[in-house]
């Protein structure tokens, strides 16, 4: 059974960026277009992160 990969600074950066984008959309500029755009961007970033996480899970940790 594969071990879960350790968290990297990229994981923290991804979480902070997604929360910041959604917070900006709700608190600073709450128009319908901005909310939809923020959620679409957050989902896209999260899916890219998930792909990277699954890659690390399958092939081990990656050094940059």
Protein backbone atom coordinates (compact mmCIF):
# COMPACT_ATOMS: atom_id res chain seq x y z
CA UNK A 1 0.00 0.00 0.00
CA UNK A 2 1.33 3.42 -0.93
CA UNK A 3 2.01 6.04 1.70
CA UNK A 4 0.52 9.48 1.45
CA UNK A 5 3.15 11.94 0.26
CA UNK A 6 4.36 14.54 2.70
CA UNK A 7 3.03 18.06 2.32
CA UNK A 8 5.16 20.53 0.40
CA UNK A 9 5.17 24.29 0.29
CA UNK A 10 3.25 23.99 -2.99
CA UNK A 11 0.35 22.40 -1.11
CA UNK A 12 0.18 25.29 1.34
CA UNK A 13 0.57 27.83 -1.48
CA UNK A 14 -2.31 26.23 -3.39
CA UNK A 15 -4.62 26.31 -0.37
CA UNK A 16 -3.76 29.94 0.42
CA UNK A 17 -4.28 31.07 -3.17
CA UNK A 18 -7.65 29.32 -3.50
CA UNK A 19 -8.91 30.77 -0.21
CA UNK A 20 -7.61 34.24 -1.16
CA UNK A 21 -9.33 34.16 -4.56
CA UNK A 22 -12.67 33.13 -3.10
CA UNK A 23 -12.35 35.60 -0.20
CA UNK A 24 -11.56 38.41 -2.64
CA UNK A 25 -14.62 37.54 -4.69
CA UNK A 26 -16.94 37.53 -1.68
CA UNK A 27 -15.49 40.38 0.37
CA UNK A 28 -13.93 42.89 -2.02
CA UNK A 29 -15.76 42.65 -5.33
CA UNK A 30 -18.97 40.60 -4.88
CA UNK A 31 -20.52 40.69 -8.35
CA UNK A 32 -22.02 37.62 -9.98
CA UNK A 33 -19.35 37.51 -12.69
CA UNK A 34 -16.54 37.74 -10.14
CA UNK A 35 -18.05 35.02 -7.94
CA UNK A 36 -18.45 32.63 -10.86
CA UNK A 37 -14.96 33.42 -12.14
CA UNK A 38 -13.43 32.96 -8.70
CA UNK A 39 -15.08 29.58 -8.17
CA UNK A 40 -14.10 28.42 -11.65
CA UNK A 41 -10.51 29.48 -11.01
CA UNK A 42 -10.49 27.84 -7.57
CA UNK A 43 -11.85 24.57 -8.96
CA UNK A 44 -9.28 24.61 -11.79
CA UNK A 45 -6.40 25.21 -9.39
CA UNK A 46 -7.71 22.50 -7.06
CA UNK A 47 -7.97 19.96 -9.89
CA UNK A 48 -4.42 20.74 -11.02
CA UNK A 49 -3.24 20.29 -7.44
CA UNK A 50 -5.14 17.00 -7.19
CA UNK A 51 -3.43 15.74 -10.33
CA UNK A 52 -0.03 16.67 -8.92
CA UNK A 53 -0.92 15.00 -5.60
CA UNK A 54 -1.96 11.78 -7.35
CA UNK A 55 1.27 11.88 -9.37
CA UNK A 56 3.29 12.17 -6.15
CA UNK A 57 1.21 9.38 -4.63
CA UNK A 58 1.91 7.08 -7.57
CA UNK A 59 5.58 7.91 -8.24
CA UNK A 60 6.85 9.21 -4.93
CA UNK A 61 7.86 12.69 -3.88
CA UNK A 62 9.22 14.99 -6.55
CA UNK A 63 12.19 17.27 -5.97
CA UNK A 64 12.25 20.65 -7.73
